[in-house]
Amino acid sequence: MEFRIEETIAGPIEQVFGAMRDHLPDLVPFLPEVESIQVLEREEIGPGRHRFLNLWQGKPDAAPKAVRPFVSGNMLRWKDHAEWDEAARKVAWRLEPFHFGTLFECRGEDLFAEAPGGKTKMTIHGVLSIYPERIPGVPAFLARRLRPDVEKFIMNLVTPNLRGVAGGIARYLEHTKA
C-alpha cells in the first residue's frame, strides 16, 4: 500500500531538517504517540550524508482500545534505518519491526522544501507491505483475504503518527526558541 503525506511546518528548512536529523530523541516530549527514541548508530558516510539506526518505542495506549489487549510493548517497537542527504534535503528510510521481523516491510523517503513565510514543506512518501501469512498458525488463504483489511488498519494507525511528527517538530522548534 502506497502512501503520501504532505505537511507544512512552521520553521525554516535548516532548522526543521536539523531537528529531524540531529535531535530526534529530543522530539519525544512533543510526539504524543511515542514513548522513546534512541539513536543506536550514527555514521558519516560522506560530506553532508549520514546514516542512522534509531530505535522507536510507541506508547501502548496509542493503539485503538479494541486492540490494546492484544498489543504488547514489543509490538510497538521498531528500528528506523535512515540515510540523510543534506544537499538534497531528503532522508531515505526503512522501518524494521523489532519483533516479528518479516511481518511487514515499510520504506520511503521524506523530502524537505522551502515554503512561503519561512516555513518548510515536508513530503513523506512510502510503501507499506503486510505479510499476515507469515504469522504462525494463520492459514495462507485466510491471510490473503485479510491482507487488504490489515493494511488499511495499519495505515490508519501509521498515518496520524507520521502527521504527528510534523506537528512535533513545530512544537519542538517553538519550545527551543523560548
N, C-alpha and C. Protein backbone atom coordinates (compact mmCIF):
# COMPACT_ATOMS: atom_id res chain seq x y z
N MET A 1 0.85 -1.16 0.00
CA MET A 1 0.00 0.00 0.00
C MET A 1 0.90 1.23 0.00
N GLU A 2 0.70 2.09 -0.96
CA GLU A 2 1.50 3.31 -1.09
C GLU A 2 0.82 4.44 -0.32
N PHE A 3 1.65 5.32 0.25
CA PHE A 3 1.09 6.48 0.95
C PHE A 3 1.95 7.70 0.69
N ARG A 4 1.30 8.86 0.81
CA ARG A 4 1.97 10.15 0.61
C ARG A 4 1.31 11.14 1.56
N ILE A 5 2.13 11.82 2.34
CA ILE A 5 1.65 12.79 3.30
C ILE A 5 2.44 14.07 3.10
N GLU A 6 1.75 15.18 3.03
CA GLU A 6 2.40 16.48 2.92
C GLU A 6 1.96 17.34 4.09
N GLU A 7 2.93 17.92 4.75
CA GLU A 7 2.67 18.79 5.90
C GLU A 7 3.56 20.03 5.78
N THR A 8 3.04 21.16 6.21
CA THR A 8 3.83 22.38 6.28
C THR A 8 4.15 22.64 7.74
N ILE A 9 5.44 22.89 8.00
CA ILE A 9 5.93 23.05 9.36
C ILE A 9 6.40 24.48 9.55
N ALA A 10 5.97 25.11 10.64
CA ALA A 10 6.39 26.46 10.96
C ALA A 10 7.86 26.43 11.36
N GLY A 11 8.70 26.93 10.50
CA GLY A 11 10.14 26.97 10.77
C GLY A 11 10.93 26.88 9.49
N PRO A 12 12.07 27.53 9.45
CA PRO A 12 12.91 27.48 8.24
C PRO A 12 13.48 26.08 8.00
N ILE A 13 13.75 25.79 6.76
CA ILE A 13 14.17 24.44 6.35
C ILE A 13 15.42 23.96 7.10
N GLU A 14 16.37 24.84 7.35
CA GLU A 14 17.59 24.43 8.04
C GLU A 14 17.29 23.92 9.45
N GLN A 15 16.38 24.60 10.13
CA GLN A 15 16.01 24.20 11.49
C GLN A 15 15.18 22.92 11.49
N VAL A 16 14.23 22.81 10.57
CA VAL A 16 13.36 21.63 10.51
C VAL A 16 14.20 20.40 10.16
N PHE A 17 15.01 20.52 9.12
CA PHE A 17 15.86 19.40 8.68
C PHE A 17 16.82 19.00 9.80
N GLY A 18 17.44 19.99 10.43
CA GLY A 18 18.38 19.72 11.51
C GLY A 18 17.72 19.08 12.73
N ALA A 19 16.51 19.53 13.06
CA ALA A 19 15.80 18.94 14.20
C ALA A 19 15.49 17.47 13.94
N MET A 20 15.01 17.17 12.74
CA MET A 20 14.68 15.77 12.41
C MET A 20 15.93 14.90 12.40
N ARG A 21 17.01 15.39 11.84
CA ARG A 21 18.21 14.56 11.71
C ARG A 21 18.99 14.48 13.01
N ASP A 22 19.21 15.61 13.66
CA ASP A 22 20.16 15.65 14.77
C ASP A 22 19.55 15.66 16.17
N HIS A 23 18.25 15.88 16.27
CA HIS A 23 17.63 16.00 17.59
C HIS A 23 16.39 15.11 17.74
N LEU A 24 16.35 14.02 17.02
CA LEU A 24 15.17 13.16 17.04
C LEU A 24 14.77 12.74 18.45
N PRO A 25 15.68 12.27 19.32
CA PRO A 25 15.26 11.90 20.68
C PRO A 25 14.68 13.08 21.47
N ASP A 26 15.13 14.30 21.17
CA ASP A 26 14.61 15.48 21.86
C ASP A 26 13.17 15.80 21.47
N LEU A 27 12.70 15.22 20.36
CA LEU A 27 11.34 15.48 19.91
C LEU A 27 10.30 14.67 20.69
N VAL A 28 10.73 13.63 21.40
CA VAL A 28 9.80 12.71 22.07
C VAL A 28 8.74 13.42 22.92
N PRO A 29 9.10 14.41 23.75
CA PRO A 29 8.04 15.07 24.54
C PRO A 29 6.97 15.75 23.69
N PHE A 30 7.25 15.94 22.40
CA PHE A 30 6.32 16.62 21.51
C PHE A 30 5.61 15.65 20.57
N LEU A 31 5.83 14.35 20.78
CA LEU A 31 5.22 13.31 19.95
C LEU A 31 4.31 12.45 20.85
N PRO A 32 3.02 12.70 20.86
CA PRO A 32 2.14 12.03 21.81
C PRO A 32 2.04 10.51 21.64
N GLU A 33 2.38 9.97 20.48
CA GLU A 33 2.27 8.54 20.23
C GLU A 33 3.56 7.79 20.53
N VAL A 34 4.63 8.53 20.89
CA VAL A 34 5.97 7.93 21.01
C VAL A 34 6.44 8.01 22.46
N GLU A 35 6.91 6.88 22.97
CA GLU A 35 7.44 6.80 24.33
C GLU A 35 8.93 7.14 24.38
N SER A 36 9.69 6.67 23.38
CA SER A 36 11.13 6.95 23.37
C SER A 36 11.70 6.75 21.97
N ILE A 37 12.83 7.39 21.74
CA ILE A 37 13.63 7.20 20.52
C ILE A 37 15.08 7.17 20.97
N GLN A 38 15.79 6.12 20.58
CA GLN A 38 17.21 6.00 20.89
C GLN A 38 17.99 5.97 19.58
N VAL A 39 19.07 6.74 19.53
CA VAL A 39 19.99 6.65 18.40
C VAL A 39 20.97 5.53 18.73
N LEU A 40 20.88 4.43 17.99
CA LEU A 40 21.76 3.29 18.22
C LEU A 40 23.07 3.42 17.46
N GLU A 41 23.00 4.00 16.27
CA GLU A 41 24.19 4.19 15.44
C GLU A 41 24.06 5.49 14.66
N ARG A 42 25.18 6.16 14.48
CA ARG A 42 25.25 7.34 13.62
C ARG A 42 26.60 7.30 12.93
N GLU A 43 26.58 7.41 11.62
CA GLU A 43 27.81 7.29 10.84
C GLU A 43 27.80 8.34 9.73
N GLU A 44 28.89 9.08 9.61
CA GLU A 44 29.04 9.99 8.48
C GLU A 44 29.53 9.17 7.31
N ILE A 45 28.79 9.20 6.21
CA ILE A 45 29.15 8.38 5.05
C ILE A 45 29.64 9.22 3.88
N GLY A 46 29.76 10.51 4.09
CA GLY A 46 30.24 11.42 3.08
C GLY A 46 29.89 12.84 3.49
N PRO A 47 30.37 13.82 2.74
CA PRO A 47 30.04 15.21 3.08
C PRO A 47 28.53 15.45 3.07
N GLY A 48 28.00 15.86 4.22
CA GLY A 48 26.57 16.15 4.32
C GLY A 48 25.68 14.92 4.25
N ARG A 49 26.28 13.74 4.40
CA ARG A 49 25.49 12.49 4.34
C ARG A 49 25.75 11.67 5.60
N HIS A 50 24.66 11.24 6.23
CA HIS A 50 24.75 10.47 7.47
C HIS A 50 23.82 9.28 7.42
N ARG A 51 24.24 8.21 8.06
CA ARG A 51 23.42 7.02 8.21
C ARG A 51 23.12 6.84 9.69
N PHE A 52 21.85 6.62 10.00
CA PHE A 52 21.40 6.44 11.38
C PHE A 52 20.66 5.11 11.52
N LEU A 53 20.76 4.57 12.71
CA LEU A 53 19.88 3.48 13.13
C LEU A 53 19.25 3.95 14.44
N ASN A 54 17.93 4.14 14.41
CA ASN A 54 17.18 4.61 15.57
C ASN A 54 16.22 3.53 16.03
N LEU A 55 16.00 3.47 17.32
CA LEU A 55 15.03 2.54 17.89
C LEU A 55 13.88 3.36 18.47
N TRP A 56 12.69 3.16 17.92
CA TRP A 56 11.48 3.86 18.35
C TRP A 56 10.66 2.94 19.24
N GLN A 57 10.03 3.51 20.25
CA GLN A 57 9.10 2.79 21.10
C GLN A 57 7.80 3.57 21.15
N GLY A 58 6.74 2.98 20.63
CA GLY A 58 5.42 3.61 20.68
C GLY A 58 4.78 3.40 22.03
N LYS A 59 3.79 4.23 22.33
CA LYS A 59 3.05 4.11 23.59
C LYS A 59 1.92 3.10 23.42
N PRO A 60 1.82 2.15 24.34
CA PRO A 60 0.74 1.16 24.24
C PRO A 60 -0.65 1.80 24.20
N ASP A 61 -0.86 2.88 24.92
CA ASP A 61 -2.18 3.49 24.93
C ASP A 61 -2.48 4.25 23.64
N ALA A 62 -1.51 4.30 22.71
CA ALA A 62 -1.75 4.93 21.42
C ALA A 62 -2.51 4.00 20.48
N ALA A 63 -2.49 2.71 20.77
CA ALA A 63 -3.23 1.74 19.96
C ALA A 63 -4.73 1.90 20.22
N PRO A 64 -5.55 1.60 19.22
CA PRO A 64 -7.00 1.68 19.45
C PRO A 64 -7.41 0.75 20.60
N LYS A 65 -8.41 1.18 21.36
CA LYS A 65 -8.84 0.43 22.54
C LYS A 65 -9.18 -1.02 22.22
N ALA A 66 -9.76 -1.27 21.07
CA ALA A 66 -10.18 -2.62 20.72
C ALA A 66 -9.01 -3.60 20.59
N VAL A 67 -7.83 -3.09 20.24
CA VAL A 67 -6.68 -4.00 20.05
C VAL A 67 -5.68 -3.94 21.20
N ARG A 68 -5.83 -3.02 22.13
CA ARG A 68 -4.86 -2.89 23.23
C ARG A 68 -4.61 -4.18 24.00
N PRO A 69 -5.64 -4.99 24.26
CA PRO A 69 -5.36 -6.23 24.99
C PRO A 69 -4.42 -7.18 24.24
N PHE A 70 -4.32 -7.02 22.93
CA PHE A 70 -3.51 -7.92 22.11
C PHE A 70 -2.16 -7.33 21.74
N VAL A 71 -1.92 -6.08 22.13
CA VAL A 71 -0.70 -5.37 21.72
C VAL A 71 0.25 -5.27 22.91
N SER A 72 1.45 -5.79 22.72
CA SER A 72 2.47 -5.67 23.76
C SER A 72 3.41 -4.52 23.39
N GLY A 73 4.19 -4.09 24.35
CA GLY A 73 5.16 -3.03 24.10
C GLY A 73 6.14 -3.38 22.99
N ASN A 74 6.54 -4.65 22.92
CA ASN A 74 7.47 -5.07 21.87
C ASN A 74 6.88 -4.94 20.48
N MET A 75 5.56 -5.05 20.37
CA MET A 75 4.91 -4.91 19.06
C MET A 75 4.92 -3.45 18.60
N LEU A 76 5.13 -2.53 19.53
CA LEU A 76 5.14 -1.11 19.21
C LEU A 76 6.56 -0.56 19.18
N ARG A 77 7.51 -1.42 18.90
CA ARG A 77 8.92 -1.04 18.83
C ARG A 77 9.41 -1.35 17.42
N TRP A 78 10.15 -0.41 16.85
CA TRP A 78 10.68 -0.63 15.51
C TRP A 78 12.02 0.05 15.34
N LYS A 79 12.80 -0.48 14.40
CA LYS A 79 14.08 0.11 14.03
C LYS A 79 13.86 0.97 12.80
N ASP A 80 14.48 2.12 12.81
CA ASP A 80 14.39 3.09 11.73
C ASP A 80 15.78 3.24 11.14
N HIS A 81 15.98 2.69 9.94
CA HIS A 81 17.25 2.80 9.21
C HIS A 81 17.11 4.02 8.30
N ALA A 82 17.94 5.03 8.50
CA ALA A 82 17.77 6.28 7.76
C ALA A 82 19.09 6.75 7.17
N GLU A 83 19.02 7.20 5.92
CA GLU A 83 20.19 7.79 5.27
C GLU A 83 19.83 9.22 4.85
N TRP A 84 20.51 10.17 5.49
CA TRP A 84 20.23 11.59 5.29
C TRP A 84 21.17 12.18 4.25
N ASP A 85 20.62 13.02 3.39
CA ASP A 85 21.39 13.72 2.35
C ASP A 85 21.08 15.21 2.49
N GLU A 86 22.02 15.94 3.09
CA GLU A 86 21.79 17.36 3.37
C GLU A 86 21.63 18.18 2.09
N ALA A 87 22.45 17.92 1.08
CA ALA A 87 22.39 18.70 -0.17
C ALA A 87 21.02 18.53 -0.85
N ALA A 88 20.49 17.34 -0.85
CA ALA A 88 19.20 17.06 -1.48
C ALA A 88 18.02 17.35 -0.55
N ARG A 89 18.31 17.62 0.72
CA ARG A 89 17.28 17.87 1.73
C ARG A 89 16.28 16.71 1.78
N LYS A 90 16.83 15.50 1.94
CA LYS A 90 15.95 14.34 2.00
C LYS A 90 16.55 13.27 2.89
N VAL A 91 15.68 12.35 3.29
CA VAL A 91 16.09 11.17 4.05
C VAL A 91 15.37 9.96 3.44
N ALA A 92 16.14 8.95 3.11
CA ALA A 92 15.57 7.66 2.69
C ALA A 92 15.55 6.78 3.92
N TRP A 93 14.46 6.08 4.15
CA TRP A 93 14.32 5.30 5.37
C TRP A 93 13.67 3.95 5.10
N ARG A 94 13.94 3.06 6.06
CA ARG A 94 13.34 1.73 6.05
C ARG A 94 13.04 1.37 7.49
N LEU A 95 11.80 0.95 7.75
CA LEU A 95 11.40 0.56 9.10
C LEU A 95 11.45 -0.96 9.20
N GLU A 96 11.92 -1.42 10.35
CA GLU A 96 12.04 -2.86 10.59
C GLU A 96 11.40 -3.17 11.95
N PRO A 97 10.44 -4.09 11.97
CA PRO A 97 9.84 -4.43 13.26
C PRO A 97 10.91 -4.98 14.20
N PHE A 98 10.81 -4.60 15.46
CA PHE A 98 11.77 -5.09 16.45
C PHE A 98 11.58 -6.58 16.67
N HIS A 99 10.33 -7.00 16.72
CA HIS A 99 9.97 -8.42 16.78
C HIS A 99 9.15 -8.72 15.54
N PHE A 100 9.02 -9.96 15.21
CA PHE A 100 8.24 -10.35 14.04
C PHE A 100 8.80 -9.67 12.78
N GLY A 101 10.10 -9.76 12.58
CA GLY A 101 10.81 -9.03 11.55
C GLY A 101 10.35 -9.21 10.12
N THR A 102 9.57 -10.25 9.82
CA THR A 102 9.16 -10.46 8.43
C THR A 102 7.68 -10.17 8.20
N LEU A 103 6.98 -9.65 9.20
CA LEU A 103 5.54 -9.44 9.05
C LEU A 103 5.19 -8.24 8.18
N PHE A 104 6.09 -7.28 8.08
CA PHE A 104 5.82 -6.15 7.19
C PHE A 104 7.13 -5.57 6.69
N GLU A 105 7.00 -4.83 5.61
CA GLU A 105 8.10 -4.04 5.07
C GLU A 105 7.56 -2.64 4.88
N CYS A 106 8.33 -1.65 5.30
CA CYS A 106 7.92 -0.27 5.12
C CYS A 106 9.16 0.53 4.80
N ARG A 107 9.12 1.23 3.69
CA ARG A 107 10.25 2.06 3.28
C ARG A 107 9.73 3.29 2.57
N GLY A 108 10.58 4.30 2.54
CA GLY A 108 10.15 5.52 1.87
C GLY A 108 11.20 6.60 1.92
N GLU A 109 10.73 7.82 1.71
CA GLU A 109 11.62 8.97 1.62
C GLU A 109 10.85 10.20 2.11
N ASP A 110 11.54 11.02 2.88
CA ASP A 110 11.00 12.31 3.29
C ASP A 110 11.77 13.39 2.55
N LEU A 111 11.05 14.30 1.94
CA LEU A 111 11.66 15.43 1.24
C LEU A 111 11.29 16.71 1.98
N PHE A 112 12.26 17.61 2.08
CA PHE A 112 12.06 18.89 2.76
C PHE A 112 12.27 20.00 1.73
N ALA A 113 11.33 20.94 1.66
CA ALA A 113 11.43 22.04 0.70
C ALA A 113 11.01 23.34 1.39
N GLU A 114 11.60 24.43 0.94
CA GLU A 114 11.22 25.73 1.48
C GLU A 114 9.79 26.04 1.08
N ALA A 115 9.06 26.62 2.02
CA ALA A 115 7.68 27.05 1.78
C ALA A 115 7.59 28.54 2.11
N PRO A 116 6.60 29.23 1.56
CA PRO A 116 6.47 30.66 1.84
C PRO A 116 6.36 30.96 3.33
N GLY A 117 6.81 32.14 3.70
CA GLY A 117 6.69 32.60 5.08
C GLY A 117 7.68 31.97 6.03
N GLY A 118 8.82 31.52 5.51
CA GLY A 118 9.83 30.92 6.38
C GLY A 118 9.44 29.55 6.92
N LYS A 119 8.55 28.88 6.21
CA LYS A 119 8.09 27.56 6.62
C LYS A 119 8.77 26.48 5.78
N THR A 120 8.51 25.23 6.16
CA THR A 120 9.09 24.09 5.45
C THR A 120 7.98 23.12 5.08
N LYS A 121 8.00 22.66 3.85
CA LYS A 121 7.07 21.64 3.40
C LYS A 121 7.79 20.29 3.51
N MET A 122 7.18 19.37 4.25
CA MET A 122 7.74 18.03 4.39
C MET A 122 6.80 17.07 3.67
N THR A 123 7.36 16.31 2.73
CA THR A 123 6.59 15.31 1.99
C THR A 123 7.12 13.94 2.37
N ILE A 124 6.25 13.09 2.88
CA ILE A 124 6.59 11.73 3.25
C ILE A 124 5.95 10.81 2.23
N HIS A 125 6.77 10.04 1.54
CA HIS A 125 6.26 9.11 0.54
C HIS A 125 6.81 7.73 0.87
N GLY A 126 5.92 6.75 0.94
CA GLY A 126 6.39 5.42 1.30
C GLY A 126 5.48 4.32 0.82
N VAL A 127 5.94 3.10 1.08
CA VAL A 127 5.19 1.90 0.72
C VAL A 127 5.20 0.96 1.92
N LEU A 128 4.02 0.48 2.28
CA LEU A 128 3.87 -0.48 3.37
C LEU A 128 3.33 -1.77 2.80
N SER A 129 4.03 -2.87 3.06
CA SER A 129 3.58 -4.19 2.65
C SER A 129 3.44 -5.06 3.89
N ILE A 130 2.28 -5.65 4.06
CA ILE A 130 1.98 -6.50 5.20
C ILE A 130 1.94 -7.96 4.73
N TYR A 131 2.48 -8.85 5.53
CA TYR A 131 2.51 -10.27 5.19
C TYR A 131 1.86 -11.10 6.30
N PRO A 132 0.52 -11.07 6.42
CA PRO A 132 -0.13 -11.82 7.50
C PRO A 132 0.06 -13.32 7.37
N GLU A 133 0.38 -13.81 6.17
CA GLU A 133 0.60 -15.24 6.00
C GLU A 133 1.85 -15.73 6.74
N ARG A 134 2.68 -14.80 7.20
CA ARG A 134 3.87 -15.16 7.94
C ARG A 134 3.62 -15.29 9.44
N ILE A 135 2.41 -15.02 9.85
CA ILE A 135 2.04 -15.21 11.26
C ILE A 135 1.84 -16.71 11.48
N PRO A 136 2.58 -17.28 12.41
CA PRO A 136 2.44 -18.71 12.64
C PRO A 136 0.99 -19.09 12.98
N GLY A 137 0.52 -20.14 12.30
CA GLY A 137 -0.81 -20.65 12.58
C GLY A 137 -1.93 -20.04 11.75
N VAL A 138 -1.63 -18.98 10.97
CA VAL A 138 -2.66 -18.36 10.14
C VAL A 138 -2.64 -19.03 8.76
N PRO A 139 -3.73 -19.65 8.34
CA PRO A 139 -3.77 -20.29 7.02
C PRO A 139 -3.55 -19.26 5.91
N ALA A 140 -2.81 -19.65 4.88
CA ALA A 140 -2.45 -18.75 3.78
C ALA A 140 -3.67 -18.15 3.11
N PHE A 141 -4.72 -18.97 2.87
CA PHE A 141 -5.91 -18.45 2.19
C PHE A 141 -6.57 -17.35 3.01
N LEU A 142 -6.59 -17.51 4.33
CA LEU A 142 -7.18 -16.51 5.20
C LEU A 142 -6.33 -15.25 5.23
N ALA A 143 -5.02 -15.44 5.29
CA ALA A 143 -4.10 -14.29 5.30
C ALA A 143 -4.26 -13.46 4.03
N ARG A 144 -4.37 -14.13 2.88
CA ARG A 144 -4.54 -13.39 1.61
C ARG A 144 -5.84 -12.58 1.63
N ARG A 145 -6.88 -13.18 2.18
CA ARG A 145 -8.17 -12.50 2.24
C ARG A 145 -8.15 -11.32 3.20
N LEU A 146 -7.40 -11.45 4.28
CA LEU A 146 -7.35 -10.40 5.30
C LEU A 146 -6.37 -9.27 4.98
N ARG A 147 -5.41 -9.53 4.09
CA ARG A 147 -4.34 -8.56 3.82
C ARG A 147 -4.86 -7.13 3.57
N PRO A 148 -5.82 -6.90 2.67
CA PRO A 148 -6.27 -5.51 2.44
C PRO A 148 -6.82 -4.85 3.70
N ASP A 149 -7.58 -5.60 4.50
CA ASP A 149 -8.13 -5.02 5.72
C ASP A 149 -7.04 -4.72 6.74
N VAL A 150 -6.06 -5.63 6.84
CA VAL A 150 -4.96 -5.42 7.77
C VAL A 150 -4.12 -4.22 7.34
N GLU A 151 -3.84 -4.11 6.03
CA GLU A 151 -3.07 -2.95 5.54
C GLU A 151 -3.81 -1.65 5.82
N LYS A 152 -5.10 -1.63 5.58
CA LYS A 152 -5.88 -0.42 5.84
C LYS A 152 -5.85 -0.07 7.33
N PHE A 153 -6.01 -1.09 8.17
CA PHE A 153 -5.98 -0.88 9.62
C PHE A 153 -4.62 -0.30 10.05
N ILE A 154 -3.53 -0.90 9.57
CA ILE A 154 -2.18 -0.43 9.92
C ILE A 154 -1.97 1.00 9.41
N MET A 155 -2.42 1.29 8.19
CA MET A 155 -2.26 2.65 7.65
C MET A 155 -3.05 3.65 8.48
N ASN A 156 -4.20 3.25 8.99
CA ASN A 156 -4.98 4.15 9.84
C ASN A 156 -4.27 4.41 11.17
N LEU A 157 -3.41 3.49 11.58
CA LEU A 157 -2.60 3.71 12.78
C LEU A 157 -1.38 4.56 12.46
N VAL A 158 -0.74 4.28 11.33
CA VAL A 158 0.54 4.91 10.98
C VAL A 158 0.37 6.36 10.53
N THR A 159 -0.64 6.63 9.72
CA THR A 159 -0.79 7.97 9.13
C THR A 159 -0.86 9.08 10.17
N PRO A 160 -1.68 8.96 11.22
CA PRO A 160 -1.68 10.03 12.23
C PRO A 160 -0.31 10.20 12.91
N ASN A 161 0.41 9.09 13.09
CA ASN A 161 1.74 9.19 13.69
C ASN A 161 2.70 9.95 12.79
N LEU A 162 2.64 9.68 11.48
CA LEU A 162 3.52 10.39 10.55
C LEU A 162 3.18 11.88 10.53
N ARG A 163 1.90 12.19 10.51
CA ARG A 163 1.49 13.60 10.56
C ARG A 163 1.91 14.22 11.89
N GLY A 164 1.86 13.43 12.95
CA GLY A 164 2.24 13.92 14.27
C GLY A 164 3.69 14.33 14.38
N VAL A 165 4.55 13.71 13.57
CA VAL A 165 5.97 14.08 13.58
C VAL A 165 6.12 15.54 13.13
N ALA A 166 5.40 15.92 12.09
CA ALA A 166 5.48 17.31 11.62
C ALA A 166 5.04 18.28 12.71
N GLY A 167 3.94 17.98 13.37
CA GLY A 167 3.48 18.83 14.47
C GLY A 167 4.46 18.84 15.62
N GLY A 168 5.07 17.68 15.90
CA GLY A 168 6.06 17.58 16.96
C GLY A 168 7.29 18.42 16.69
N ILE A 169 7.71 18.45 15.43
CA ILE A 169 8.86 19.30 15.07
C ILE A 169 8.52 20.76 15.31
N ALA A 170 7.34 21.17 14.87
CA ALA A 170 6.93 22.57 15.05
C ALA A 170 6.90 22.93 16.53
N ARG A 171 6.34 22.06 17.37
CA ARG A 171 6.28 22.33 18.81
C ARG A 171 7.68 22.35 19.42
N TYR A 172 8.54 21.45 18.98
CA TYR A 172 9.93 21.41 19.47
C TYR A 172 10.65 22.71 19.12
N LEU A 173 10.53 23.16 17.87
CA LEU A 173 11.20 24.40 17.46
C LEU A 173 10.67 25.60 18.23
N GLU A 174 9.38 25.62 18.46
CA GLU A 174 8.78 26.73 19.25
C GLU A 174 9.31 26.69 20.68
N HIS A 175 9.41 25.50 21.24
CA HIS A 175 9.91 25.32 22.62
C HIS A 175 11.38 25.75 22.73
N THR A 176 12.19 25.42 21.73
CA THR A 176 13.62 25.74 21.81
C THR A 176 13.88 27.23 21.60
N LYS A 177 12.92 27.97 21.06
CA LYS A 177 13.04 29.43 20.92
C LYS A 177 12.90 30.11 22.26
N ALA A 178 12.05 29.52 23.12
CA ALA A 178 11.71 30.16 24.40
C ALA A 178 12.89 30.24 25.34
